[in-house]
């Protein structure tokens, strides 16, 4: 009787062990399917990667800084041009 009980419990233990292994396999498969679906959805949303966003943000910042520097140069040149034309026009009368 002891021999039969041990064999019975051994079989139940093996069955439980196989069931746990199968459950882990199913979990891995579900994880893989979910990950691929999430990646597909994100790809379809046409999102940009963080690295690309940061690169474009840096490019925009540099362009803005260059634009501000060029604007300051233009303002300085216009001021100088206005001062030089103001000096030349000061000696002559407008109606003469």
PDB file of N, CA and C in Angstrom:
ATOM      1  N   UNK A   1       0.830  -1.197   0.000  1.00  0.00           N
ATOM      2  CA  UNK A   1       0.000   0.000   0.000  1.00  0.00           C
ATOM      3  C   UNK A   1       0.871   1.256   0.000  1.00  0.00           C
ATOM      4  N   UNK A   2       1.951   1.249   0.717  1.00  0.00           N
ATOM      5  CA  UNK A   2       2.840   2.399   0.766  1.00  0.00           C
ATOM      6  C   UNK A   2       3.431   2.671  -0.605  1.00  0.00           C
ATOM      7  N   UNK A   3       3.788   1.597  -1.305  1.00  0.00           N
ATOM      8  CA  UNK A   3       4.365   1.720  -2.643  1.00  0.00           C
ATOM      9  C   UNK A   3       3.365   2.378  -3.585  1.00  0.00           C
ATOM     10  N   UNK A   4       2.132   2.014  -3.539  1.00  0.00           N
ATOM     11  CA  UNK A   4       1.097   2.548  -4.419  1.00  0.00           C
ATOM     12  C   UNK A   4       0.865   4.023  -4.135  1.00  0.00           C
ATOM     13  N   UNK A   5       0.819   4.388  -2.866  1.00  0.00           N
ATOM     14  CA  UNK A   5       0.616   5.793  -2.510  1.00  0.00           C
ATOM     15  C   UNK A   5       1.772   6.661  -3.000  1.00  0.00           C
ATOM     16  N   UNK A   6       2.992   6.173  -2.861  1.00  0.00           N
ATOM     17  CA  UNK A   6       4.143   6.946  -3.317  1.00  0.00           C
ATOM     18  C   UNK A   6       4.109   7.141  -4.836  1.00  0.00           C
ATOM     19  N   UNK A   7       3.766   6.088  -5.557  1.00  0.00           N
ATOM     20  CA  UNK A   7       3.689   6.194  -7.003  1.00  0.00           C
ATOM     21  C   UNK A   7       2.590   7.168  -7.417  1.00  0.00           C
ATOM     22  N   UNK A   8       1.485   7.118  -6.731  1.00  0.00           N
ATOM     23  CA  UNK A   8       0.374   8.029  -7.009  1.00  0.00           C
ATOM     24  C   UNK A   8       0.797   9.487  -6.786  1.00  0.00           C
ATOM     25  N   UNK A   9       1.452   9.743  -5.640  1.00  0.00           N
ATOM     26  CA  UNK A   9       1.899  11.096  -5.341  1.00  0.00           C
ATOM     27  C   UNK A   9       3.018  11.549  -6.276  1.00  0.00           C
ATOM     28  N   UNK A  10       3.869  10.610  -6.670  1.00  0.00           N
ATOM     29  CA  UNK A  10       4.917  10.940  -7.639  1.00  0.00           C
ATOM     30  C   UNK A  10       4.296  11.376  -8.966  1.00  0.00           C
ATOM     31  N   UNK A  11       3.284  10.661  -9.396  1.00  0.00           N
ATOM     32  CA  UNK A  11       2.605  11.010 -10.652  1.00  0.00           C
ATOM     33  C   UNK A  11       1.919  12.376 -10.541  1.00  0.00           C
ATOM     34  N   UNK A  12       1.272  12.620  -9.423  1.00  0.00           N
ATOM     35  CA  UNK A  12       0.619  13.924  -9.217  1.00  0.00           C
ATOM     36  C   UNK A  12       1.671  15.037  -9.195  1.00  0.00           C
ATOM     37  N   UNK A  13       2.797  14.779  -8.531  1.00  0.00           N
ATOM     38  CA  UNK A  13       3.876  15.774  -8.486  1.00  0.00           C
ATOM     39  C   UNK A  13       4.434  16.063  -9.861  1.00  0.00           C
ATOM     40  N   UNK A  14       4.642  14.995 -10.669  1.00  0.00           N
ATOM     41  CA  UNK A  14       5.126  15.194 -12.034  1.00  0.00           C
ATOM     42  C   UNK A  14       4.111  15.964 -12.866  1.00  0.00           C
ATOM     43  N   UNK A  15       2.845  15.632 -12.705  1.00  0.00           N
ATOM     44  CA  UNK A  15       1.789  16.321 -13.438  1.00  0.00           C
ATOM     45  C   UNK A  15       1.757  17.814 -13.077  1.00  0.00           C
ATOM     46  N   UNK A  16       1.877  18.118 -11.799  1.00  0.00           N
ATOM     47  CA  UNK A  16       1.888  19.524 -11.355  1.00  0.00           C
ATOM     48  C   UNK A  16       3.115  20.259 -11.904  1.00  0.00           C
ATOM     49  N   UNK A  17       4.241  19.577 -11.900  1.00  0.00           N
ATOM     50  CA  UNK A  17       5.474  20.162 -12.407  1.00  0.00           C
ATOM     51  C   UNK A  17       5.346  20.468 -13.903  1.00  0.00           C
ATOM     52  N   UNK A  18       4.783  19.537 -14.655  1.00  0.00           N
ATOM     53  CA  UNK A  18       4.572  19.751 -16.083  1.00  0.00           C
ATOM     54  C   UNK A  18       3.591  20.897 -16.322  1.00  0.00           C
ATOM     55  N   UNK A  19       2.557  20.972 -15.504  1.00  0.00           N
ATOM     56  CA  UNK A  19       1.568  22.043 -15.644  1.00  0.00           C
ATOM     57  C   UNK A  19       2.209  23.403 -15.375  1.00  0.00           C
ATOM     58  N   UNK A  20       3.088  23.482 -14.380  1.00  0.00           N
ATOM     59  CA  UNK A  20       3.763  24.748 -14.068  1.00  0.00           C
ATOM     60  C   UNK A  20       4.685  25.143 -15.216  1.00  0.00           C
ATOM     61  N   UNK A  21       5.404  24.174 -15.805  1.00  0.00           N
ATOM     62  CA  UNK A  21       6.269  24.467 -16.951  1.00  0.00           C
ATOM     63  C   UNK A  21       5.469  24.956 -18.141  1.00  0.00           C
ATOM     64  N   UNK A  22       4.324  24.323 -18.387  1.00  0.00           N
ATOM     65  CA  UNK A  22       3.459  24.745 -19.488  1.00  0.00           C
ATOM     66  C   UNK A  22       2.922  26.150 -19.236  1.00  0.00           C
ATOM     67  N   UNK A  23       2.562  26.449 -18.007  1.00  0.00           N
ATOM     68  CA  UNK A  23       2.052  27.780 -17.674  1.00  0.00           C
ATOM     69  C   UNK A  23       3.129  28.842 -17.898  1.00  0.00           C
ATOM     70  N   UNK A  24       4.376  28.521 -17.563  1.00  0.00           N
ATOM     71  CA  UNK A  24       5.460  29.478 -17.796  1.00  0.00           C
ATOM     72  C   UNK A  24       5.676  29.702 -19.291  1.00  0.00           C
ATOM     73  N   UNK A  25       5.555  28.636 -20.076  1.00  0.00           N
ATOM     74  CA  UNK A  25       5.678  28.757 -21.533  1.00  0.00           C
ATOM     75  C   UNK A  25       4.580  29.631 -22.105  1.00  0.00           C
ATOM     76  N   UNK A  26       3.361  29.436 -21.619  1.00  0.00           N
ATOM     77  CA  UNK A  26       2.230  30.257 -22.074  1.00  0.00           C
ATOM     78  C   UNK A  26       2.450  31.712 -21.682  1.00  0.00           C
ATOM     79  N   UNK A  27       2.959  31.946 -20.485  1.00  0.00           N
ATOM     80  CA  UNK A  27       3.222  33.318 -20.031  1.00  0.00           C
ATOM     81  C   UNK A  27       4.258  33.993 -20.936  1.00  0.00           C
ATOM     82  N   UNK A  28       5.338  33.272 -21.266  1.00  0.00           N
ATOM     83  CA  UNK A  28       6.366  33.830 -22.158  1.00  0.00           C
ATOM     84  C   UNK A  28       5.771  34.151 -23.528  1.00  0.00           C
ATOM     85  N   UNK A  29       4.941  33.268 -24.023  1.00  0.00           N
ATOM     86  CA  UNK A  29       4.320  33.474 -25.341  1.00  0.00           C
ATOM     87  C   UNK A  29       3.398  34.695 -25.318  1.00  0.00           C
ATOM     88  N   UNK A  30       2.613  34.824 -24.266  1.00  0.00           N
ATOM     89  CA  UNK A  30       1.718  35.983 -24.136  1.00  0.00           C
ATOM     90  C   UNK A  30       2.531  37.270 -24.032  1.00  0.00           C
ATOM     91  N   UNK A  31       3.612  37.242 -23.250  1.00  0.00           N
ATOM     92  CA  UNK A  31       4.477  38.425 -23.138  1.00  0.00           C
ATOM     93  C   UNK A  31       5.035  38.825 -24.500  1.00  0.00           C
ATOM     94  N   UNK A  32       5.474  37.846 -25.279  1.00  0.00           N
ATOM     95  CA  UNK A  32       6.027  38.125 -26.605  1.00  0.00           C
ATOM     96  C   UNK A  32       4.974  38.735 -27.521  1.00  0.00           C
ATOM     97  N   UNK A  33       3.779  38.167 -27.521  1.00  0.00           N
ATOM     98  CA  UNK A  33       2.700  38.679 -28.369  1.00  0.00           C
ATOM     99  C   UNK A  33       2.316  40.098 -27.946  1.00  0.00           C
ATOM    100  N   UNK A  34       2.204  40.326 -26.639  1.00  0.00           N
ATOM    101  CA  UNK A  34       1.832  41.661 -26.152  1.00  0.00           C
ATOM    102  C   UNK A  34       2.893  42.695 -26.514  1.00  0.00           C
ATOM    103  N   UNK A  35       4.156  42.323 -26.373  1.00  0.00           N
ATOM    104  CA  UNK A  35       5.250  43.247 -26.700  1.00  0.00           C
ATOM    105  C   UNK A  35       5.230  43.595 -28.189  1.00  0.00           C
ATOM    106  N   UNK A  36       5.039  42.598 -29.036  1.00  0.00           N
ATOM    107  CA  UNK A  36       5.024  42.864 -30.477  1.00  0.00           C
ATOM    108  C   UNK A  36       3.817  43.724 -30.859  1.00  0.00           C
ATOM    109  N   UNK A  37       2.678  43.489 -30.235  1.00  0.00           N
ATOM    110  CA  UNK A  37       1.496  44.314 -30.505  1.00  0.00           C
ATOM    111  C   UNK A  37       1.717  45.760 -30.057  1.00  0.00           C
ATOM    112  N   UNK A  38       2.319  45.931 -28.883  1.00  0.00           N
ATOM    113  CA  UNK A  38       2.586  47.286 -28.386  1.00  0.00           C
ATOM    114  C   UNK A  38       3.565  48.010 -29.310  1.00  0.00           C
ATOM    115  N   UNK A  39       4.598  47.305 -29.766  1.00  0.00           N
ATOM    116  CA  UNK A  39       5.560  47.924 -30.682  1.00  0.00           C
ATOM    117  C   UNK A  39       4.889  48.313 -31.997  1.00  0.00           C
ATOM    118  N   UNK A  40       3.997  47.452 -32.494  1.00  0.00           N
ATOM    119  CA  UNK A  40       3.287  47.753 -33.739  1.00  0.00           C
ATOM    120  C   UNK A  40       2.402  48.985 -33.567  1.00  0.00           C
ATOM    121  N   UNK A  41       1.703  49.058 -32.457  1.00  0.00           N
ATOM    122  CA  UNK A  41       0.823  50.207 -32.199  1.00  0.00           C
ATOM    123  C   UNK A  41       1.645  51.488 -32.108  1.00  0.00           C
ATOM    124  N   UNK A  42       2.761  51.440 -31.401  1.00  0.00           N
ATOM    125  CA  UNK A  42       3.609  52.627 -31.282  1.00  0.00           C
ATOM    126  C   UNK A  42       4.184  53.034 -32.638  1.00  0.00           C
ATOM    127  N   UNK A  43       4.543  52.049 -33.453  1.00  0.00           N
ATOM    128  CA  UNK A  43       5.061  52.345 -34.785  1.00  0.00           C
ATOM    129  C   UNK A  43       3.980  53.000 -35.634  1.00  0.00           C
ATOM    130  N   UNK A  44       2.740  52.513 -35.522  1.00  0.00           N
ATOM    131  CA  UNK A  44       1.630  53.075 -36.288  1.00  0.00           C
ATOM    132  C   UNK A  44       1.281  54.489 -35.829  1.00  0.00           C
ATOM    133  N   UNK A  45       1.553  54.808 -34.584  1.00  0.00           N
ATOM    134  CA  UNK A  45       1.278  56.157 -34.077  1.00  0.00           C
ATOM    135  C   UNK A  45       2.282  57.176 -34.604  1.00  0.00           C
ATOM    136  N   UNK A  46       3.343  56.705 -35.229  1.00  0.00           N
ATOM    137  CA  UNK A  46       4.370  57.571 -35.822  1.00  0.00           C
ATOM    138  C   UNK A  46       5.019  58.463 -34.761  1.00  0.00           C
ATOM    139  N   UNK A  47       5.375  57.867 -33.639  1.00  0.00           N
ATOM    140  CA  UNK A  47       6.048  58.591 -32.567  1.00  0.00           C
ATOM    141  C   UNK A  47       7.546  58.666 -32.858  1.00  0.00           C
ATOM    142  N   UNK A  48       8.208  59.682 -32.332  1.00  0.00           N
ATOM    143  CA  UNK A  48       9.656  59.790 -32.534  1.00  0.00           C
ATOM    144  C   UNK A  48      10.367  59.287 -31.294  1.00  0.00           C
ATOM    145  N   UNK A  49      11.586  58.803 -31.515  1.00  0.00           N
ATOM    146  CA  UNK A  49      12.377  58.311 -30.390  1.00  0.00           C
ATOM    147  C   UNK A  49      12.912  59.487 -29.598  1.00  0.00           C
ATOM    148  N   UNK A  50      13.196  59.263 -28.339  1.00  0.00           N
ATOM    149  CA  UNK A  50      13.672  60.309 -27.432  1.00  0.00           C
ATOM    150  C   UNK A  50      14.971  60.931 -27.939  1.00  0.00           C
ATOM    151  N   UNK A  51      15.894  60.099 -28.444  1.00  0.00           N
ATOM    152  CA  UNK A  51      17.184  60.601 -28.930  1.00  0.00           C
ATOM    153  C   UNK A  51      16.981  61.543 -30.114  1.00  0.00           C
ATOM    154  N   UNK A  52      16.056  61.173 -31.031  1.00  0.00           N
ATOM    155  CA  UNK A  52      15.780  62.022 -32.190  1.00  0.00           C
ATOM    156  C   UNK A  52      15.169  63.350 -31.740  1.00  0.00           C
ATOM    157  N   UNK A  53      14.260  63.281 -30.778  1.00  0.00           N
ATOM    158  CA  UNK A  53      13.628  64.497 -30.272  1.00  0.00           C
ATOM    159  C   UNK A  53      14.667  65.432 -29.658  1.00  0.00           C
ATOM    160  N   UNK A  54      15.554  64.867 -28.844  1.00  0.00           N
ATOM    161  CA  UNK A  54      16.594  65.682 -28.202  1.00  0.00           C
ATOM    162  C   UNK A  54      17.518  66.309 -29.245  1.00  0.00           C
ATOM    163  N   UNK A  55      17.852  65.567 -30.305  1.00  0.00           N
ATOM    164  CA  UNK A  55      18.729  66.097 -31.357  1.00  0.00           C
ATOM    165  C   UNK A  55      18.064  67.265 -32.065  1.00  0.00           C
ATOM    166  N   UNK A  56      16.789  67.128 -32.400  1.00  0.00           N
ATOM    167  CA  UNK A  56      16.066  68.213 -33.083  1.00  0.00           C
ATOM    168  C   UNK A  56      15.901  69.411 -32.150  1.00  0.00           C
ATOM    169  N   UNK A  57      15.675  69.141 -30.880  1.00  0.00           N
ATOM    170  CA  UNK A  57      15.540  70.234 -29.904  1.00  0.00           C
ATOM    171  C   UNK A  57      16.839  71.033 -29.818  1.00  0.00           C
ATOM    172  N   UNK A  58      17.985  70.328 -29.800  1.00  0.00           N
ATOM    173  CA  UNK A  58      19.279  71.011 -29.771  1.00  0.00           C
ATOM    174  C   UNK A  58      19.508  71.812 -31.048  1.00  0.00           C
ATOM    175  N   UNK A  59      19.126  71.250 -32.194  1.00  0.00           N
ATOM    176  CA  UNK A  59      19.272  71.975 -33.456  1.00  0.00           C
ATOM    177  C   UNK A  59      18.426  73.251 -33.447  1.00  0.00           C
ATOM    178  N   UNK A  60      17.218  73.177 -32.940  1.00  0.00           N
ATOM    179  CA  UNK A  60      16.343  74.347 -32.876  1.00  0.00           C
ATOM    180  C   UNK A  60      16.925  75.408 -31.936  1.00  0.00           C
ATOM    181  N   UNK A  61      17.489  74.962 -30.805  1.00  0.00           N
ATOM    182  CA  UNK A  61      18.097  75.912 -29.874  1.00  0.00           C
ATOM    183  C   UNK A  61      19.270  76.629 -30.533  1.00  0.00           C
ATOM    184  N   UNK A  62      20.133  75.870 -31.223  1.00  0.00           N
ATOM    185  CA  UNK A  62      21.280  76.489 -31.899  1.00  0.00           C
ATOM    186  C   UNK A  62      20.824  77.458 -32.985  1.00  0.00           C
ATOM    187  N   UNK A  63      19.802  77.090 -33.741  1.00  0.00           N
ATOM    188  CA  UNK A  63      19.285  77.976 -34.788  1.00  0.00           C
ATOM    189  C   UNK A  63      18.714  79.256 -34.181  1.00  0.00           C
ATOM    190  N   UNK A  64      18.019  79.117 -33.055  1.00  0.00           N
ATOM    191  CA  UNK A  64      17.452  80.294 -32.384  1.00  0.00           C
ATOM    192  C   UNK A  64      18.564  81.228 -31.898  1.00  0.00           C
ATOM    193  N   UNK A  65      19.618  80.644 -31.316  1.00  0.00           N
ATOM    194  CA  UNK A  65      20.739  81.463 -30.840  1.00  0.00           C
ATOM    195  C   UNK A  65      21.423  82.173 -32.009  1.00  0.00           C
ATOM    196  N   UNK A  66      21.608  81.459 -33.118  1.00  0.00           N
ATOM    197  CA  UNK A  66      22.226  82.081 -34.296  1.00  0.00           C
ATOM    198  C   UNK A  66      21.335  83.179 -34.854  1.00  0.00           C
ATOM    199  N   UNK A  67      20.037  82.948 -34.861  1.00  0.00           N
ATOM    200  CA  UNK A  67      19.091  83.952 -35.347  1.00  0.00           C
ATOM    201  C   UNK A  67      19.144  85.211 -34.485  1.00  0.00           C
ATOM    202  N   UNK A  68      19.221  85.038 -33.170  1.00  0.00           N
ATOM    203  CA  UNK A  68      19.302  86.195 -32.276  1.00  0.00           C
ATOM    204  C   UNK A  68      20.605  86.959 -32.482  1.00  0.00           C
ATOM    205  N   UNK A  69      21.721  86.236 -32.701  1.00  0.00           N
ATOM    206  CA  UNK A  69      23.006  86.898 -32.946  1.00  0.00           C
ATOM    207  C   UNK A  69      22.961  87.678 -34.254  1.00  0.00           C
ATOM    208  N   UNK A  70      22.371  87.089 -35.287  1.00  0.00           N
ATOM    209  CA  UNK A  70      22.268  87.784 -36.570  1.00  0.00           C
ATOM    210  C   UNK A  70      21.354  89.008 -36.462  1.00  0.00           C
ATOM    211  N   UNK A  71      20.291  88.909 -35.699  1.00  0.00           N
ATOM    212  CA  UNK A  71      19.390  90.050 -35.503  1.00  0.00           C
ATOM    213  C   UNK A  71      20.131  91.184 -34.805  1.00  0.00           C
ATOM    214  N   UNK A  72      20.949  90.844 -33.828  1.00  0.00           N
ATOM    215  CA  UNK A  72      21.726  91.875 -33.127  1.00  0.00           C
ATOM    216  C   UNK A  72      22.709  92.537 -34.085  1.00  0.00           C
ATOM    217  N   UNK A  73      23.336  91.769 -34.974  1.00  0.00           N
ATOM    218  CA  UNK A  73      24.261  92.351 -35.955  1.00  0.00           C
ATOM    219  C   UNK A  73      23.524  93.273 -36.921  1.00  0.00           C
ATOM    220  N   UNK A  74      22.334  92.840 -37.363  1.00  0.00           N
ATOM    221  CA  UNK A  74      21.550  93.679 -38.282  1.00  0.00           C
ATOM    222  C   UNK A  74      21.157  94.973 -37.598  1.00  0.00           C
ATOM    223  N   UNK A  75      20.710  94.893 -36.352  1.00  0.00           N
ATOM    224  CA  UNK A  75      20.339  96.102 -35.613  1.00  0.00           C
ATOM    225  C   UNK A  75      21.528  97.040 -35.476  1.00  0.00           C
ATOM    226  N   UNK A  76      22.709  96.476 -35.180  1.00  0.00           N
ATOM    227  CA  UNK A  76      23.907  97.311 -35.039  1.00  0.00           C
ATOM    228  C   UNK A  76      24.266  97.962 -36.377  1.00  0.00           C
ATOM    229  N   UNK A  77      24.179  97.215 -37.468  1.00  0.00           N
ATOM    230  CA  UNK A  77      24.483  97.777 -38.793  1.00  0.00           C
ATOM    231  C   UNK A  77      23.470  98.854 -39.181  1.00  0.00           C
ATOM    232  N   UNK A  78      22.198  98.622 -38.901  1.00  0.00           N
ATOM    233  CA  UNK A  78      21.174  99.621 -39.207  1.00  0.00           C
ATOM    234  C   UNK A  78      21.397 100.888 -38.388  1.00  0.00           C
ATOM    235  N   UNK A  79      21.797 100.713 -37.125  1.00  0.00           N
ATOM    236  CA  UNK A  79      22.072 101.874 -36.285  1.00  0.00           C
ATOM    237  C   UNK A  79      23.242 102.660 -36.850  1.00  0.00           C
ATOM    238  N   UNK A  80      24.306 101.937 -37.229  1.00  0.00           N
ATOM    239  CA  UNK A  80      25.474 102.611 -37.818  1.00  0.00           C
ATOM    240  C   UNK A  80      25.120 103.284 -39.132  1.00  0.00           C
ATOM    241  N   UNK A  81      24.325 102.619 -39.961  1.00  0.00           N
ATOM    242  CA  UNK A  81      23.916 103.185 -41.249  1.00  0.00           C
ATOM    243  C   UNK A  81      23.044 104.412 -41.021  1.00  0.00           C
ATOM    244  N   UNK A  82      22.160 104.358 -40.060  1.00  0.00           N
ATOM    245  CA  UNK A  82      21.297 105.500 -39.747  1.00  0.00           C
ATOM    246  C   UNK A  82      22.117 106.670 -39.225  1.00  0.00           C
ATOM    247  N   UNK A  83      23.137 106.403 -38.434  1.00  0.00           N
ATOM    248  CA  UNK A  83      23.983 107.468 -37.892  1.00  0.00           C
ATOM    249  C   UNK A  83      24.807 108.096 -39.006  1.00  0.00           C
ATOM    250  N   UNK A  84      25.310 107.295 -39.957  1.00  0.00           N
ATOM    251  CA  UNK A  84      26.141 107.862 -41.024  1.00  0.00           C
ATOM    252  C   UNK A  84      25.293 108.640 -42.018  1.00  0.00           C
ATOM    253  N   UNK A  85      24.075 108.222 -42.321  1.00  0.00           N
ATOM    254  CA  UNK A  85      23.222 108.999 -43.229  1.00  0.00           C
ATOM    255  C   UNK A  85      22.682 110.226 -42.516  1.00  0.00           C
ATOM    256  N   UNK A  86      22.526 110.180 -41.239  1.00  0.00           N
ATOM    257  CA  UNK A  86      22.075 111.332 -40.462  1.00  0.00           C
ATOM    258  C   UNK A  86      23.140 112.425 -40.445  1.00  0.00           C
ATOM    259  N   UNK A  87      24.424 112.052 -40.383  1.00  0.00           N
ATOM    260  CA  UNK A  87      25.512 113.023 -40.413  1.00  0.00           C
ATOM    261  C   UNK A  87      25.618 113.688 -41.764  1.00  0.00           C
ATOM    262  N   UNK A  88      25.444 112.949 -42.839  1.00  0.00           N
ATOM    263  CA  UNK A  88      25.578 113.506 -44.190  1.00  0.00           C
ATOM    264  C   UNK A  88      24.407 114.413 -44.495  1.00  0.00           C
ATOM    265  N   UNK A  89      23.230 114.109 -44.019  1.00  0.00           N
ATOM    266  CA  UNK A  89      22.059 114.935 -44.316  1.00  0.00           C
ATOM    267  C   UNK A  89      21.936 116.134 -43.417  1.00  0.00           C
ATOM    268  N   UNK A  90      22.708 116.277 -42.355  1.00  0.00           N
ATOM    269  CA  UNK A  90      22.568 117.361 -41.400  1.00  0.00           C
ATOM    270  C   UNK A  90      23.069 118.679 -41.988  1.00  0.00           C
ATOM    271  N   UNK A  91      24.021 118.664 -42.929  1.00  0.00           N
ATOM    272  CA  UNK A  91      24.600 119.894 -43.470  1.00  0.00           C
ATOM    273  C   UNK A  91      23.776 120.502 -44.586  1.00  0.00           C
ATOM    274  N   UNK A  92      22.884 119.768 -45.184  1.00  0.00           N
ATOM    275  CA  UNK A  92      22.137 120.319 -46.317  1.00  0.00           C
ATOM    276  C   UNK A  92      20.686 120.542 -45.922  1.00  0.00           C
ATOM    277  N   UNK A  93      20.073 121.522 -46.513  1.00  0.00           N
ATOM    278  CA  UNK A  93      18.670 121.835 -46.246  1.00  0.00           C
ATOM    279  C   UNK A  93      17.789 120.949 -47.110  1.00  0.00           C
ATOM    280  N   UNK A  94      16.640 120.553 -46.593  1.00  0.00           N
ATOM    281  CA  UNK A  94      15.793 119.633 -47.341  1.00  0.00           C
ATOM    282  C   UNK A  94      15.246 120.267 -48.620  1.00  0.00           C
ATOM    283  N   UNK A  95      14.949 121.507 -48.678  1.00  0.00           N
ATOM    284  CA  UNK A  95      14.329 122.123 -49.858  1.00  0.00           C
ATOM    285  C   UNK A  95      15.336 122.742 -50.789  1.00  0.00           C
ATOM    286  N   UNK A  96      16.610 122.733 -50.529  1.00  0.00           N
ATOM    287  CA  UNK A  96      17.583 123.472 -51.322  1.00  0.00           C
ATOM    288  C   UNK A  96      18.020 122.775 -52.532  1.00  0.00           C
TER     289      UNK A  96
END
